[in-house]
């Protein structure tokens, strides 16, 4: 039986600086991107956070609907959150504008009421939702959802520049990790969390540390060095798929959204399918990197590609 994915976290406008200095607004936000990526792989996905009544909120609603994501019909009077992105050698450098914004305009009870009425599925969160003080209500939501039989997915996806106190932010993320059944982190996340010189060669040690805290699925990404996926007692290592990179915005969201969609739509024998799951995720991320902003591939686009995987 397929499982539904519910996504809790930010939807914001990525204002991407162009070569001439002008800003190009593109809809983004890690959880929003992930919801789209998973839905485009034919998973049943619901986005939980409010959208603004402003023009950008309308665009977010249209994008979610176009990609097959269900969302909260009620709209917030607060404005849409913004992120300014300057690209340096294809890598995004972020500045965030997050006070008094629509995607933070929700209560713990409103989310719990929505998921309590549903059959237990996959509840995903991460990124800015883990930033204090929001992490407190997120932790309570995760704790209750887990008690109701939900599978908890967390993408660490740290954004240190938006943190007033980086130490408190890192402590909040560390506190959330034990609630995660499935967890994903990049090499940059791992370094900030205290893992020295993270690399594919050290991936097994890192994964075991998180599995000892309760995680059963761990994905670690290392940029151009590829990615590693651990599911139960099985694991796979993948090279980065070749692509002419336009930018890497949304690559991690596409990667993890593809993993979640694979597990949600084919929940049996996940350990036996670990190499194929990783294969799909790496290729989806590569396709996204060949486009500006976060533009995850559809399932049909992904099926046309056949990346190489080392098991």
Foldseek 3Di string as FASTA:
>chain_A
DFFEEEEAFAWAWEQEQDPVRHTDTDTDTLRLLLQLLLLLQVHAYEYEFAFAPDPVSVVSVVSCVVSRYHYDPDHDPWAGKYWYWYADVQETDIDTDDPRHRRLPDALVVVLVVPVVDDAGEYEYEEPCLAPPNLVSVQVSLVVSVVNPHAYEYEHNYDQNHHPDSVVSLVSSVVNLLSHQAYEYEPVSCVSNPDPPDDPVCVVVVVVVSVVSPHQWYKYAYPQQFIKIGHHPAIWTAGQFDADFPHQANLVSSLVSQLSSVCRGPVPPCRVCRQVSSQLSRQQSRVQRNDPHGDTHGSVVSVVDGGDIGD
